[in-house]
Amino acid sequence: PAAAGDRSYEDAREYLTRFVGVGEKVADCVLLFSLGYLEAVPLDTWIRSAIADHYPDCDRGSYAETSRAIRERLGGEYAGYAQTYLFYYLRAGGE
């Protein structure tokens, strides 16, 4: 996975998904929490619910396109920070 650190975000995610058992969400988690790609937004159940409820225009069907749209909406290069706060807010009972 360290070899992913020298790539652009999209290339790094594609590289990580080559590993057996690593899908796009897990790759985004590794990129955000381990490799410092602050634009990564893992799309789990909580974030997908937030998209459906608050950002329906960002739901593009596929993981990659929805991820791209919500990244742009949440601040681009720092979208991972925004996603982390949004995740916590929802888990803590926010509406």
Protein backbone atom coordinates (compact mmCIF):
# COMPACT_ATOMS: atom_id res chain seq x y z
CA PRO A 1 0.00 0.00 0.00
CA ALA A 2 2.86 2.45 0.54
CA ALA A 3 3.37 2.51 -3.24
CA ALA A 4 -0.05 4.15 -3.50
CA GLY A 5 1.30 7.23 -1.71
CA ASP A 6 3.18 8.44 -4.78
CA ARG A 7 0.09 8.51 -7.00
CA SER A 8 -2.80 10.88 -7.59
CA TYR A 9 -5.88 10.12 -5.50
CA GLU A 10 -7.79 8.39 -8.31
CA ASP A 11 -4.74 6.33 -9.33
CA ALA A 12 -4.01 5.40 -5.72
CA ARG A 13 -7.59 4.18 -5.19
CA GLU A 14 -7.44 2.13 -8.38
CA TYR A 15 -4.07 0.70 -7.31
CA LEU A 16 -5.37 -0.38 -3.90
CA THR A 17 -8.45 -2.07 -5.34
CA ARG A 18 -6.13 -4.49 -7.16
CA PHE A 19 -5.56 -6.25 -3.82
CA VAL A 20 -7.93 -9.16 -3.22
CA GLY A 21 -10.69 -8.13 -0.83
CA VAL A 22 -10.09 -4.39 -1.16
CA GLY A 23 -13.03 -2.57 -2.68
CA GLU A 24 -13.49 1.12 -3.29
CA LYS A 25 -14.73 1.93 0.23
CA VAL A 26 -11.86 0.12 1.96
CA ALA A 27 -9.41 1.75 -0.44
CA ASP A 28 -10.86 5.17 0.45
CA CYS A 29 -10.53 4.37 4.18
CA VAL A 30 -6.87 3.42 3.73
CA LEU A 31 -6.23 6.52 1.64
CA LEU A 32 -7.90 8.88 4.11
CA PHE A 33 -6.86 7.41 7.45
CA SER A 34 -3.45 5.91 6.63
CA LEU A 35 -1.96 7.59 3.58
CA GLY A 36 -3.05 11.20 4.04
CA TYR A 37 -5.32 11.61 1.03
CA LEU A 38 -7.57 14.17 2.68
CA GLU A 39 -9.91 14.30 -0.30
CA ALA A 40 -10.95 10.65 0.12
CA VAL A 41 -14.59 10.19 1.19
CA PRO A 42 -15.42 6.58 2.10
CA LEU A 43 -19.04 5.93 1.15
CA ASP A 44 -20.45 3.78 3.92
CA THR A 45 -24.08 3.39 5.00
CA TRP A 46 -24.01 6.55 7.11
CA ILE A 47 -22.55 8.76 4.40
CA ARG A 48 -24.85 7.28 1.75
CA SER A 49 -27.81 8.13 4.03
CA ALA A 50 -26.52 11.68 4.40
CA ILE A 51 -26.20 11.94 0.63
CA ALA A 52 -29.76 10.67 0.14
CA ASP A 53 -31.17 13.03 2.79
CA HIS A 54 -29.09 16.18 2.32
CA TYR A 55 -27.17 15.97 -0.97
CA PRO A 56 -29.39 13.94 -3.34
CA ASP A 57 -27.91 15.69 -6.37
CA CYS A 58 -24.59 13.99 -5.53
CA ASP A 59 -26.01 10.47 -5.88
CA ARG A 60 -24.76 9.46 -9.31
CA GLY A 61 -25.37 5.72 -9.08
CA SER A 62 -21.83 4.38 -9.22
CA TYR A 63 -19.44 4.56 -6.28
CA ALA A 64 -16.80 6.45 -8.28
CA GLU A 65 -19.17 9.12 -9.62
CA THR A 66 -21.01 9.59 -6.32
CA SER A 67 -17.67 9.83 -4.53
CA ARG A 68 -16.44 12.46 -7.00
CA ALA A 69 -19.64 14.52 -6.62
CA ILE A 70 -19.69 14.45 -2.81
CA ARG A 71 -15.95 15.25 -2.67
CA GLU A 72 -16.57 18.38 -4.70
CA ARG A 73 -19.58 19.30 -2.54
CA LEU A 74 -17.71 18.79 0.76
CA GLY A 75 -14.69 20.88 -0.14
CA GLY A 76 -12.49 19.08 -2.63
CA GLU A 77 -9.03 18.53 -1.25
CA TYR A 78 -10.24 18.50 2.39
CA ALA A 79 -13.51 16.60 1.85
CA GLY A 80 -12.27 13.74 4.02
CA TYR A 81 -12.25 16.04 7.06
CA ALA A 82 -15.82 17.14 6.34
CA GLN A 83 -16.88 13.52 5.86
CA THR A 84 -15.39 12.57 9.23
CA TYR A 85 -17.37 15.28 11.03
CA LEU A 86 -20.53 14.41 9.12
CA PHE A 87 -20.10 10.74 10.02
CA TYR A 88 -19.64 11.58 13.71
CA TYR A 89 -22.64 13.93 13.71
CA LEU A 90 -24.89 11.25 12.25
CA ARG A 91 -23.59 8.52 14.57
CA ALA A 92 -24.13 10.78 17.58
CA GLY A 93 -27.81 11.16 16.70
CA GLY A 94 -27.80 14.31 14.59
CA GLU A 95 -30.57 14.84 12.13
